[in-house]
């Protein structure tokens, strides 16, 4: 079960989020609520949640400030950011922190569930990548790449009945990867920390039959280098845990040794969101490519890989679609003869990305404003055509965007909003039906009756009568 911490300065909001969905259904458990970033920071250090849902603007410490500190401390929780309004500057910062998604308040249940699914997909993708690296380490010469998993600690278990070990691991509710090695079943357990209580419990469960072959929980590369000779010998020698967590100094060392491409991706994102390329950035990136690439093919692959990573990260964070320029860029890059030409091509495509992000985000913000306008002025006479003309949009385009945001057509959304208000007036007032019809935007009372009956299968009069009778019983 993955754990969640909710951070929001409004009590009603954080409690509302905690009860919004059946968390267990999606594999999550809410373990804490924090009223601001400062409290959230302390709770995260103590509880190490897998996922943090946090507001941006809060007293004492903002959500972004909290995330920045946690990143510096190598606490590898993932984040979903909440915001009361659409703000491009906040969205840019959210992208750079690598959050799962950026959700506007009020929180839509479906959007939250989609973000949880996105987290699970990212988690699954991480495990698949890790499994590939472990297989390469065991069966081939490639032992690079494991340093990026330095925030995870490993314990290795071998032999014994596979189903029995799985059952024990499931009972402990700990993540693991299963591998087969020389007809033996090998389990790699994944965790962020190893407490004394868990260590004792684990020893009692596993060491009785000699199945534990690891010296303890250590960062990826240390753990592998330590345990592989034992795997090769396949000795059944029993090793007890020594609780040798390398924390936080070891994590810091591994974090500092992460492949330079990670830094370059940050540079790219910064320049995409804040163009144009400065001369010093051109020089910096050119030197980066030179230091990483031995030939033209390698340099081009490096550039294309970074762009793919950036595109994926931005799309996932902002829930927008970006044009895939992979093949266009590849063809143009292969035609270059000098590195300076490649950098110019980078400038061009980064500017394209920046323009598209600004358009998409600006459009999304404008659509939210239009929907708010409909919510406020639903009683006025309005059509999709009149709204499109008022806000300067093509009618078909606006209809498509409204449907993307509300999952309803314009007419259906307006109808639902008016019906929602009609119900409130029928219950809370004694206004005659024709006046209610007029107040919610229907000048023709007969048409109001028709629409109301389509929605609720009874007339407004019958609905009010049933409510009164129900209240008197």
Protein backbone atom coordinates (compact mmCIF):
# COMPACT_ATOMS: atom_id res chain seq x y z
CA UNK A 1 0.00 0.00 0.00
CA UNK A 2 1.49 3.33 -1.09
CA UNK A 3 1.25 6.22 1.38
CA UNK A 4 -0.06 9.77 0.90
CA UNK A 5 0.40 13.03 2.82
CA UNK A 6 -2.04 15.90 2.14
CA UNK A 7 -0.76 19.47 2.69
CA UNK A 8 -3.21 22.40 2.50
CA UNK A 9 -3.79 25.42 4.73
CA UNK A 10 -7.59 25.10 4.46
CA UNK A 11 -8.86 22.46 6.89
CA UNK A 12 -12.02 21.81 4.90
CA UNK A 13 -9.95 21.25 1.75
CA UNK A 14 -7.41 18.81 3.20
CA UNK A 15 -10.11 16.85 5.02
CA UNK A 16 -12.27 16.92 1.90
CA UNK A 17 -9.44 15.52 -0.23
CA UNK A 18 -8.82 12.76 2.31
CA UNK A 19 -12.44 11.65 1.91
CA UNK A 20 -12.90 12.43 -1.78
CA UNK A 21 -12.23 8.92 -3.09
CA UNK A 22 -11.72 5.36 -1.89
CA UNK A 23 -7.92 5.57 -1.66
CA UNK A 24 -7.51 1.87 -0.95
CA UNK A 25 -9.18 1.01 -4.24
CA UNK A 26 -6.24 2.62 -6.04
CA UNK A 27 -3.57 1.18 -3.75
CA UNK A 28 -3.08 4.21 -1.48
CA UNK A 29 -3.45 5.08 2.20
CA UNK A 30 -3.63 8.62 3.64
CA UNK A 31 -1.17 8.73 6.55
CA UNK A 32 -1.27 12.41 7.48
CA UNK A 33 -2.72 15.90 7.00
CA UNK A 34 -0.57 19.05 7.29
CA UNK A 35 -1.76 22.66 7.48
CA UNK A 36 1.21 24.27 5.70
CA UNK A 37 4.52 23.52 4.01
CA UNK A 38 6.51 23.79 7.23
CA UNK A 39 4.41 21.14 8.99
CA UNK A 40 4.35 19.10 5.78
CA UNK A 41 8.16 19.19 5.69
CA UNK A 42 8.48 17.80 9.23
CA UNK A 43 5.83 15.13 8.65
CA UNK A 44 7.51 14.06 5.41
CA UNK A 45 10.88 13.68 7.14
CA UNK A 46 9.22 11.49 9.74
CA UNK A 47 6.72 9.49 7.66
CA UNK A 48 8.46 9.39 4.22
CA UNK A 49 5.20 9.25 2.22
CA UNK A 50 5.32 7.90 -1.33
CA UNK A 51 3.11 10.71 -2.65
CA UNK A 52 2.42 14.24 -1.37
CA UNK A 53 -0.63 16.23 -2.50
CA UNK A 54 0.15 19.87 -1.73
CA UNK A 55 -1.31 23.32 -2.25
CA UNK A 56 1.06 25.97 -3.63
CA UNK A 57 0.16 29.11 -1.66
CA UNK A 58 0.28 28.56 2.11
CA UNK A 59 1.41 30.61 5.12
CA UNK A 60 4.88 30.06 6.65
CA UNK A 61 6.09 27.88 3.77
CA UNK A 62 4.69 27.38 0.25
CA UNK A 63 4.29 24.01 -1.39
CA UNK A 64 7.06 24.74 -3.88
CA UNK A 65 9.46 25.76 -1.09
CA UNK A 66 8.69 22.52 0.73
CA UNK A 67 9.31 20.47 -2.43
CA UNK A 68 12.62 22.24 -3.07
CA UNK A 69 13.89 21.46 0.45
CA UNK A 70 12.79 17.82 0.23
CA UNK A 71 14.57 17.46 -3.12
CA UNK A 72 17.76 18.90 -1.60
CA UNK A 73 17.50 16.38 1.24
CA UNK A 74 17.13 13.53 -1.27
CA UNK A 75 13.72 12.55 0.04
CA UNK A 76 12.23 11.01 -3.06
CA UNK A 77 8.50 11.45 -2.50
CA UNK A 78 6.45 12.28 -5.60
CA UNK A 79 4.13 15.29 -5.72
CA UNK A 80 0.74 16.41 -7.02
CA UNK A 81 0.44 20.21 -6.90
CA UNK A 82 -2.86 22.02 -6.27
CA UNK A 83 -3.58 25.63 -7.19
CA UNK A 84 -6.57 27.87 -6.72
CA UNK A 85 -6.04 29.48 -10.10
CA UNK A 86 -4.23 28.92 -13.37
CA UNK A 87 -0.80 30.55 -13.22
CA UNK A 88 1.84 29.94 -15.86
CA UNK A 89 4.73 30.89 -13.55
CA UNK A 90 3.66 28.28 -11.00
CA UNK A 91 3.21 25.74 -13.78
CA UNK A 92 6.77 26.35 -15.00
CA UNK A 93 8.14 25.78 -11.51
CA UNK A 94 5.99 22.66 -11.17
CA UNK A 95 7.48 21.21 -14.35
CA UNK A 96 11.02 21.83 -13.13
CA UNK A 97 10.34 20.04 -9.84
CA UNK A 98 9.18 16.98 -11.76
CA UNK A 99 5.73 16.73 -10.15
CA UNK A 100 3.17 14.13 -11.21
CA UNK A 101 0.54 16.71 -12.15
CA UNK A 102 -0.71 20.27 -11.61
CA UNK A 103 -4.42 20.33 -10.64
CA UNK A 104 -6.63 23.40 -10.43
CA UNK A 105 -9.08 23.79 -7.56
CA UNK A 106 -11.84 22.85 -6.98
CA UNK A 107 -10.42 19.34 -7.35
CA UNK A 108 -12.19 17.13 -9.83
CA UNK A 109 -12.46 13.52 -8.62
CA UNK A 110 -11.70 12.08 -12.06
CA UNK A 111 -8.65 14.31 -12.46
CA UNK A 112 -7.31 13.20 -9.07
CA UNK A 113 -7.84 9.53 -9.94
CA UNK A 114 -6.07 10.10 -13.26
CA UNK A 115 -3.10 11.59 -11.38
CA UNK A 116 -2.95 8.56 -9.08
CA UNK A 117 -2.94 6.28 -12.11
CA UNK A 118 -0.15 8.39 -13.56
CA UNK A 119 1.85 7.91 -10.36
CA UNK A 120 1.31 4.15 -10.50
CA UNK A 121 2.43 4.10 -14.14
CA UNK A 122 5.58 6.04 -13.24
CA UNK A 123 6.23 3.70 -10.31
CA UNK A 124 5.72 0.65 -12.54
CA UNK A 125 8.00 2.15 -15.20
CA UNK A 126 10.69 2.69 -12.56
CA UNK A 127 10.46 -0.95 -11.50
CA UNK A 128 10.66 -2.17 -15.11
CA UNK A 129 13.78 -0.06 -15.71
CA UNK A 130 15.28 -1.28 -12.46
CA UNK A 131 14.58 -4.90 -13.32
CA UNK A 132 16.37 -4.45 -16.66
CA UNK A 133 19.39 -2.94 -14.91
CA UNK A 134 19.48 -5.76 -12.38
CA UNK A 135 19.35 -8.37 -15.14
CA UNK A 136 22.17 -6.60 -16.98
CA UNK A 137 24.20 -6.58 -13.79
CA UNK A 138 23.63 -10.30 -13.23
CA UNK A 139 23.94 -11.61 -16.78
CA UNK A 140 25.94 -9.07 -18.73
CA UNK A 141 28.76 -6.55 -18.59
CA UNK A 142 26.52 -3.50 -18.26
CA UNK A 143 26.52 -2.27 -14.68
CA UNK A 144 25.78 1.40 -15.32
CA UNK A 145 22.64 3.32 -14.50
CA UNK A 146 21.95 1.96 -11.04
CA UNK A 147 23.13 5.15 -9.38
CA UNK A 148 19.86 6.82 -10.39
CA UNK A 149 18.09 4.47 -7.95
CA UNK A 150 20.24 5.51 -5.02
CA UNK A 151 17.19 6.69 -3.09
CA UNK A 152 15.96 3.08 -2.91
CA UNK A 153 17.53 0.56 -0.55
CA UNK A 154 17.81 -3.12 -1.47
CA UNK A 155 17.69 -6.43 0.34
CA UNK A 156 18.37 -9.66 -1.54
CA UNK A 157 16.56 -12.92 -0.78
CA UNK A 158 17.20 -16.25 -2.49
CA UNK A 159 15.89 -19.83 -2.49
CA UNK A 160 13.00 -21.23 -0.52
CA UNK A 161 9.52 -21.82 -1.87
CA UNK A 162 8.67 -18.99 -4.27
CA UNK A 163 4.98 -18.82 -3.38
CA UNK A 164 5.78 -18.97 0.32
CA UNK A 165 8.24 -16.07 0.09
CA UNK A 166 5.77 -14.04 -1.97
CA UNK A 167 3.14 -14.59 0.70
CA UNK A 168 5.51 -13.44 3.42
CA UNK A 169 6.49 -10.34 1.46
CA UNK A 170 2.86 -9.48 0.75
CA UNK A 171 2.09 -9.80 4.45
CA UNK A 172 4.86 -7.28 5.15
CA UNK A 173 3.33 -4.96 2.50
CA UNK A 174 6.69 -4.20 0.90
CA UNK A 175 7.45 -3.71 -2.79
CA UNK A 176 9.68 -6.25 -4.51
CA UNK A 177 10.98 -7.36 -7.91
CA UNK A 178 11.19 -11.06 -8.71
CA UNK A 179 14.05 -12.47 -10.83
CA UNK A 180 15.14 -15.97 -11.80
CA UNK A 181 18.83 -16.77 -11.54
CA UNK A 182 20.35 -20.21 -12.22
CA UNK A 183 16.98 -21.86 -11.55
CA UNK A 184 16.79 -20.02 -8.26
CA UNK A 185 14.20 -17.40 -7.37
CA UNK A 186 15.74 -14.09 -6.38
CA UNK A 187 13.75 -11.30 -4.76
CA UNK A 188 14.86 -7.67 -4.68
CA UNK A 189 13.02 -5.76 -1.97
CA UNK A 190 12.56 -2.02 -2.41
CA UNK A 191 12.20 0.43 0.46
CA UNK A 192 13.13 3.97 1.45
CA UNK A 193 14.16 3.12 4.98
CA UNK A 194 14.83 0.14 7.24
CA UNK A 195 13.51 0.59 10.77
CA UNK A 196 14.71 -1.49 13.72
CA UNK A 197 11.26 -3.02 14.15
CA UNK A 198 11.07 -4.04 10.53
CA UNK A 199 14.62 -5.38 10.58
CA UNK A 200 13.84 -7.65 13.55
CA UNK A 201 10.60 -8.80 11.99
CA UNK A 202 12.30 -9.54 8.70
CA UNK A 203 15.09 -11.53 10.32
CA UNK A 204 12.59 -13.62 12.28
CA UNK A 205 10.61 -14.41 9.15
CA UNK A 206 13.41 -15.16 6.71
CA UNK A 207 16.66 -16.12 8.36
CA UNK A 208 15.28 -19.24 9.96
CA UNK A 209 15.56 -21.18 6.71
CA UNK A 210 18.75 -19.60 5.41
CA UNK A 211 17.07 -17.69 2.61
CA UNK A 212 18.61 -14.26 3.29
CA UNK A 213 21.92 -13.73 1.53
CA UNK A 214 22.31 -9.95 1.78
CA UNK A 215 24.40 -8.06 4.30
CA UNK A 216 21.69 -5.47 4.74
CA UNK A 217 19.83 -2.57 3.22
CA UNK A 218 22.13 -0.39 1.17
CA UNK A 219 21.93 1.91 -1.84
CA UNK A 220 21.75 0.17 -5.19
CA UNK A 221 25.35 0.05 -6.37
CA UNK A 222 26.81 -0.83 -2.96
CA UNK A 223 24.24 -3.56 -2.43
CA UNK A 224 24.82 -5.15 -5.83
CA UNK A 225 28.60 -5.10 -5.65
CA UNK A 226 28.42 -6.61 -2.19
CA UNK A 227 25.93 -9.37 -2.92
CA UNK A 228 26.89 -10.55 -6.41
CA UNK A 229 29.95 -12.59 -5.35
CA UNK A 230 27.71 -14.42 -2.93
CA UNK A 231 25.22 -15.09 -5.70
CA UNK A 232 27.94 -16.41 -7.96
CA UNK A 233 29.10 -18.84 -5.28
CA UNK A 234 25.51 -19.75 -4.45
CA UNK A 235 26.53 -20.45 -0.88
CA UNK A 236 23.71 -20.92 1.55
CA UNK A 237 25.63 -18.95 4.12
CA UNK A 238 23.34 -16.93 6.32
CA UNK A 239 23.95 -13.21 6.78
CA UNK A 240 22.18 -11.17 9.42
CA UNK A 241 21.12 -7.58 8.94
CA UNK A 242 23.47 -4.97 10.26
CA UNK A 243 21.11 -2.05 9.56
CA UNK A 244 23.85 -0.47 7.47
CA UNK A 245 21.76 2.27 5.92
CA UNK A 246 23.95 4.81 4.15
CA UNK A 247 21.85 7.82 5.10
CA UNK A 248 22.02 10.64 4.29
CA UNK A 249 25.71 10.96 3.40
CA UNK A 250 25.73 7.92 1.14
CA UNK A 251 22.64 9.05 -0.70
CA UNK A 252 24.17 12.46 -1.19
CA UNK A 253 27.29 10.91 -2.69
CA UNK A 254 25.31 8.74 -5.08
CA UNK A 255 23.02 11.62 -5.97
CA UNK A 256 25.99 13.76 -6.91
CA UNK A 257 27.25 11.04 -9.23
CA UNK A 258 24.06 10.80 -11.32
CA UNK A 259 24.65 10.93 -15.07
CA UNK A 260 25.18 14.43 -16.45
CA UNK A 261 22.21 14.06 -18.76
CA UNK A 262 19.91 14.81 -15.83
CA UNK A 263 21.46 18.26 -15.47
CA UNK A 264 21.15 18.88 -19.18
CA UNK A 265 17.44 18.07 -19.09
CA UNK A 266 16.99 20.70 -16.39
CA UNK A 267 18.85 23.17 -18.61
CA UNK A 268 16.59 22.32 -21.53
CA UNK A 269 13.39 22.76 -19.54
CA UNK A 270 14.61 26.06 -18.17
CA UNK A 271 15.35 27.33 -21.66
CA UNK A 272 12.11 25.99 -23.14
CA UNK A 273 10.11 27.86 -20.54
CA UNK A 274 12.35 30.94 -20.51
CA UNK A 275 13.67 31.51 -24.06
CA UNK A 276 15.73 32.58 -25.87
CA UNK A 277 19.00 30.71 -25.45
CA UNK A 278 21.63 32.97 -23.91
CA UNK A 279 25.15 32.83 -25.33
CA UNK A 280 26.55 31.43 -22.10
CA UNK A 281 23.91 28.69 -22.16
CA UNK A 282 24.86 27.82 -25.73
CA UNK A 283 28.49 27.47 -24.65
CA UNK A 284 27.51 25.49 -21.57
CA UNK A 285 25.38 23.06 -23.54
CA UNK A 286 27.89 22.76 -26.36
CA UNK A 287 30.55 21.80 -23.83
CA UNK A 288 28.14 19.33 -22.27
CA UNK A 289 27.61 17.61 -25.61
CA UNK A 290 31.35 17.58 -26.31
CA UNK A 291 32.09 16.02 -22.93
CA UNK A 292 29.49 13.29 -23.40
CA UNK A 293 29.84 12.50 -27.07
CA UNK A 294 32.70 10.81 -28.90
CA UNK A 295 31.11 11.19 -32.33
CA UNK A 296 28.28 12.87 -34.17
CA UNK A 297 25.85 9.94 -33.82
CA UNK A 298 26.33 9.87 -30.07
CA UNK A 299 25.79 13.62 -29.77
CA UNK A 300 22.59 13.46 -31.82
CA UNK A 301 21.23 10.53 -29.84
CA UNK A 302 21.99 12.40 -26.64
CA UNK A 303 20.08 15.47 -27.84
CA UNK A 304 17.09 13.47 -29.08
CA UNK A 305 16.93 11.46 -25.87
CA UNK A 306 16.83 14.65 -23.81
CA UNK A 307 14.04 16.11 -25.94
CA UNK A 308 11.98 12.95 -25.56
CA UNK A 309 12.41 13.11 -21.78
CA UNK A 310 11.42 16.78 -21.70
CA UNK A 311 8.36 16.28 -23.89
CA UNK A 312 7.17 13.38 -21.74
CA UNK A 313 7.73 15.26 -18.49
CA UNK A 314 5.89 18.39 -19.62
CA UNK A 315 2.97 16.43 -21.09
CA UNK A 316 2.52 14.41 -17.91
CA UNK A 317 2.80 17.40 -15.60
CA UNK A 318 0.51 19.83 -17.42
CA UNK A 319 -1.78 17.29 -19.12
CA UNK A 320 -1.21 18.81 -22.54
CA UNK A 321 -0.15 17.30 -25.84
CA UNK A 322 3.11 18.47 -27.42
CA UNK A 323 4.03 17.92 -31.05
CA UNK A 324 6.61 15.18 -31.53
CA UNK A 325 9.50 16.72 -33.49
CA UNK A 326 11.74 13.65 -33.20
CA UNK A 327 12.08 12.75 -36.87
CA UNK A 328 12.26 16.35 -38.08
CA UNK A 329 15.00 17.14 -35.57
CA UNK A 330 16.88 13.94 -36.34
CA UNK A 331 16.96 14.67 -40.07
CA UNK A 332 18.08 18.26 -39.56
CA UNK A 333 20.72 17.33 -36.99
CA UNK A 334 22.27 14.74 -39.30
CA UNK A 335 22.63 17.40 -41.99
CA UNK A 336 24.73 19.60 -39.69
CA UNK A 337 28.50 19.71 -40.01
CA UNK A 338 29.38 21.71 -36.92
CA UNK A 339 28.22 21.68 -33.33
CA UNK A 340 27.18 25.33 -33.54
CA UNK A 341 24.66 24.37 -36.24
CA UNK A 342 23.20 21.70 -33.96
CA UNK A 343 22.79 24.26 -31.18
CA UNK A 344 20.91 26.58 -33.57
CA UNK A 345 18.54 23.74 -34.40
CA UNK A 346 18.06 23.17 -30.67
CA UNK A 347 17.12 26.84 -30.30
CA UNK A 348 14.52 26.57 -33.05
CA UNK A 349 12.79 23.51 -31.63
CA UNK A 350 12.93 24.71 -28.06
CA UNK A 351 11.25 27.93 -29.18
CA UNK A 352 8.57 25.83 -30.88
CA UNK A 353 7.98 23.94 -27.65
CA UNK A 354 7.89 27.15 -25.65
CA UNK A 355 5.36 28.74 -28.00
CA UNK A 356 3.17 25.66 -27.94
CA UNK A 357 3.27 25.41 -24.14
CA UNK A 358 2.35 29.09 -23.82
CA UNK A 359 -0.52 28.65 -26.31
CA UNK A 360 -1.81 25.49 -24.68
CA UNK A 361 -1.56 26.83 -21.16
CA UNK A 362 -2.97 30.20 -22.13
CA UNK A 363 -5.83 28.45 -23.89
CA UNK A 364 -6.51 26.25 -20.88
CA UNK A 365 -6.53 29.28 -18.59
CA UNK A 366 -8.90 31.13 -20.93
CA UNK A 367 -11.26 28.15 -21.15
CA UNK A 368 -11.42 28.05 -17.34
CA UNK A 369 -12.36 31.74 -17.38
CA UNK A 370 -15.09 31.08 -19.95
CA UNK A 371 -16.50 28.22 -17.87
CA UNK A 372 -16.49 30.49 -14.81
CA UNK A 373 -18.34 33.08 -16.89
CA UNK A 374 -21.00 30.48 -17.78
CA UNK A 375 -21.28 29.44 -14.12
CA UNK A 376 -21.89 33.05 -13.09
CA UNK A 377 -24.09 34.20 -15.98
CA UNK A 378 -26.08 31.03 -16.72
CA UNK A 379 -29.36 33.00 -16.43
CA UNK A 380 -28.43 35.25 -19.37
CA UNK A 381 -29.38 34.36 -22.89
CA UNK A 382 -26.31 32.68 -24.36
CA UNK A 383 -25.28 30.26 -27.10
CA UNK A 384 -21.98 28.69 -28.03
CA UNK A 385 -21.83 31.10 -30.97
CA UNK A 386 -22.41 34.19 -28.80
CA UNK A 387 -19.84 33.07 -26.20
CA UNK A 388 -17.29 32.32 -28.94
CA UNK A 389 -17.79 35.77 -30.47
CA UNK A 390 -17.62 37.48 -27.08
CA UNK A 391 -14.29 35.84 -26.19
CA UNK A 392 -12.83 35.85 -29.71
CA UNK A 393 -12.84 32.09 -30.43
CA UNK A 394 -13.87 29.92 -33.32
CA UNK A 395 -17.18 28.28 -32.34
CA UNK A 396 -16.12 24.70 -33.15
CA UNK A 397 -12.77 25.10 -31.39
CA UNK A 398 -14.40 26.55 -28.27
CA UNK A 399 -16.98 23.76 -28.17
CA UNK A 400 -14.21 21.17 -28.36
CA UNK A 401 -12.20 22.82 -25.57
CA UNK A 402 -15.23 23.14 -23.27
CA UNK A 403 -15.97 19.45 -23.78
CA UNK A 404 -12.35 18.56 -22.99
CA UNK A 405 -12.55 20.47 -19.70
CA UNK A 406 -16.09 19.58 -18.58
CA UNK A 407 -16.65 16.23 -20.36
CA UNK A 408 -19.90 17.78 -21.62
CA UNK A 409 -21.02 19.72 -24.67
CA UNK A 410 -21.66 23.44 -24.19
CA UNK A 411 -25.45 22.99 -24.36
CA UNK A 412 -25.39 20.10 -21.90
CA UNK A 413 -23.14 21.97 -19.48
CA UNK A 414 -25.38 25.06 -19.56
CA UNK A 415 -28.50 22.92 -19.13
CA UNK A 416 -27.03 21.07 -16.16
CA UNK A 417 -26.00 24.35 -14.53
CA UNK A 418 -29.51 25.77 -14.96
CA UNK A 419 -31.14 22.58 -13.67
CA UNK A 420 -28.87 22.62 -10.65
CA UNK A 421 -30.08 26.14 -9.83
CA UNK A 422 -33.71 25.19 -10.54
CA UNK A 423 -33.54 22.42 -7.93
CA UNK A 424 -32.13 24.84 -5.36
CA UNK A 425 -34.92 27.36 -5.98
CA UNK A 426 -37.65 24.70 -5.94
CA UNK A 427 -36.47 23.44 -2.56
CA UNK A 428 -35.44 26.67 -0.85
CA UNK A 429 -38.14 29.10 -2.07
CA UNK A 430 -41.87 29.33 -2.75
CA UNK A 431 -41.35 31.12 -6.05
CA UNK A 432 -43.86 30.18 -8.76
CA UNK A 433 -42.53 27.92 -11.51
CA UNK A 434 -42.66 30.60 -14.21
CA UNK A 435 -40.48 32.90 -12.08
CA UNK A 436 -37.94 30.14 -11.41
CA UNK A 437 -37.88 29.44 -15.15
CA UNK A 438 -37.19 33.12 -15.78
CA UNK A 439 -34.47 33.37 -13.11
CA UNK A 440 -32.42 30.48 -14.51
CA UNK A 441 -32.52 31.65 -18.13
CA UNK A 442 -35.66 30.11 -19.67
CA UNK A 443 -38.11 32.75 -20.87
CA UNK A 444 -40.45 30.04 -22.17
CA UNK A 445 -42.00 28.19 -19.22
CA UNK A 446 -43.15 25.26 -21.37
CA UNK A 447 -39.62 24.72 -22.64
CA UNK A 448 -38.35 24.78 -19.04
CA UNK A 449 -40.89 22.07 -18.13
CA UNK A 450 -39.69 19.96 -21.07
CA UNK A 451 -35.99 20.24 -20.19
CA UNK A 452 -36.64 19.66 -16.48
CA UNK A 453 -38.61 16.49 -17.19
CA UNK A 454 -35.86 15.20 -19.47
CA UNK A 455 -33.40 15.56 -16.60
CA UNK A 456 -35.48 14.38 -13.62
CA UNK A 457 -38.39 12.44 -15.19
CA UNK A 458 -40.97 14.54 -13.33
CA UNK A 459 -42.26 18.07 -13.78
CA UNK A 460 -40.97 20.92 -11.56
CA UNK A 461 -44.35 21.01 -9.79
CA UNK A 462 -44.25 17.27 -9.07
CA UNK A 463 -40.64 17.50 -7.92
CA UNK A 464 -41.48 20.25 -5.40
CA UNK A 465 -44.59 18.38 -4.22
CA UNK A 466 -42.61 15.16 -3.69
CA UNK A 467 -39.94 17.04 -1.73
CA UNK A 468 -42.57 18.66 0.52
CA UNK A 469 -44.32 15.35 1.15
CA UNK A 470 -41.01 13.64 1.83
CA UNK A 471 -40.07 16.34 4.32
CA UNK A 472 -43.37 15.98 6.22
CA UNK A 473 -43.07 12.23 6.67
